[in-house]
Protein backbone atom coordinates (compact mmCIF):
# COMPACT_ATOMS: atom_id res chain seq x y z
CA MET A 1 206.92 125.12 161.49
CA LYS A 2 206.07 126.10 165.05
CA THR A 3 202.61 125.42 166.44
CA LEU A 4 200.97 127.73 168.98
CA PHE A 5 197.63 127.62 170.70
CA VAL A 6 196.48 131.01 171.96
CA ASN A 7 193.58 131.34 174.37
CA VAL A 8 191.83 134.67 173.90
CA LYS A 9 189.53 136.43 176.36
CA CYS A 10 187.28 138.98 174.65
CA ASN A 11 185.36 141.99 175.85
CA LEU A 12 181.74 141.07 176.57
CA GLY A 13 179.72 140.49 173.42
CA GLN A 14 182.76 140.72 171.13
CA ALA A 15 183.85 137.07 170.65
CA TYR A 16 182.39 136.56 167.16
CA LYS A 17 183.67 139.92 165.92
CA VAL A 18 187.13 139.21 167.35
CA ALA A 19 187.17 135.67 165.87
CA SER A 20 186.34 136.97 162.39
CA GLN A 21 189.32 139.35 162.56
CA ILE A 22 191.80 136.89 164.08
CA VAL A 23 191.06 134.13 161.56
CA GLU A 24 192.29 136.48 158.79
CA LEU A 25 195.75 136.97 160.36
CA ASP A 26 198.72 135.43 158.57
CA GLY A 27 199.77 132.35 160.54
CA VAL A 28 196.36 131.58 162.01
CA SER A 29 195.01 128.19 161.00
CA GLU A 30 191.77 127.86 162.97
CA VAL A 31 189.74 129.76 165.57
CA TYR A 32 187.33 127.95 167.89
CA SER A 33 184.75 129.39 170.27
CA ILE A 34 185.18 127.61 173.59
CA SER A 35 183.68 127.48 177.06
CA GLY A 36 185.52 128.34 180.24
CA GLU A 37 187.82 131.16 181.28
CA TYR A 38 188.64 132.12 177.68
CA ASP A 39 186.29 132.73 174.74
CA LEU A 40 188.42 131.63 171.79
CA LEU A 41 191.13 129.07 171.06
CA VAL A 42 193.39 130.08 168.17
CA LYS A 43 195.57 127.49 166.42
CA CYS A 44 198.60 129.03 164.70
CA TYR A 45 201.42 127.74 162.52
CA LEU A 46 204.46 130.02 162.32
CA SER A 47 207.66 129.61 160.34
CA LYS A 48 210.71 128.70 162.40
CA ASP A 49 212.18 132.19 161.97
CA ARG A 50 209.03 134.02 163.13
CA ASP A 51 209.02 135.32 166.73
CA GLU A 52 206.09 133.82 168.67
CA GLY A 53 205.93 136.59 171.27
CA ARG A 54 205.95 139.34 168.67
CA PHE A 55 203.22 137.53 166.72
CA VAL A 56 200.93 137.28 169.76
CA ILE A 57 201.61 140.81 171.01
CA GLU A 58 201.61 142.65 167.69
CA SER A 59 198.96 140.65 165.82
CA ILE A 60 196.49 138.93 168.16
CA GLN A 61 196.58 141.29 171.16
CA LYS A 62 196.09 144.34 168.93
CA VAL A 63 192.75 143.11 167.56
CA ALA A 64 189.97 145.34 168.88
CA GLY A 65 187.98 143.53 171.57
CA VAL A 66 190.82 141.32 172.83
CA GLN A 67 191.09 141.60 176.60
CA ASP A 68 193.67 138.93 177.51
CA THR A 69 195.64 136.04 176.02
CA SER A 70 197.44 132.92 177.21
CA THR A 71 199.83 131.13 174.86
CA ILE A 72 200.77 127.45 174.69
CA ILE A 73 203.75 126.47 172.54
CA ALA A 74 203.49 122.92 171.20
CA PHE A 75 206.66 120.81 170.97
CA ASN A 76 205.49 117.73 169.02
CA ALA A 77 202.39 116.39 167.33
CA PHE A 78 201.65 112.68 167.71
CA ASN A 79 199.67 111.01 164.94
């Protein structure tokens, strides 16, 4: 599995509506409302054969109310 964290900037007043749509996408594990430059932090788990860029562009960025994204690809998890 590949782990991604996607920061999402929403149109004003749209964060909760956007979060409720993003959390339903296949591959999305959790969606957090956050403070700062972005409104949401999306934690995703994708299969090794799934294209990360295509997932962000064709799934997350196409949700109505999404203004901008920034993606972090995680290499390892330390427990």
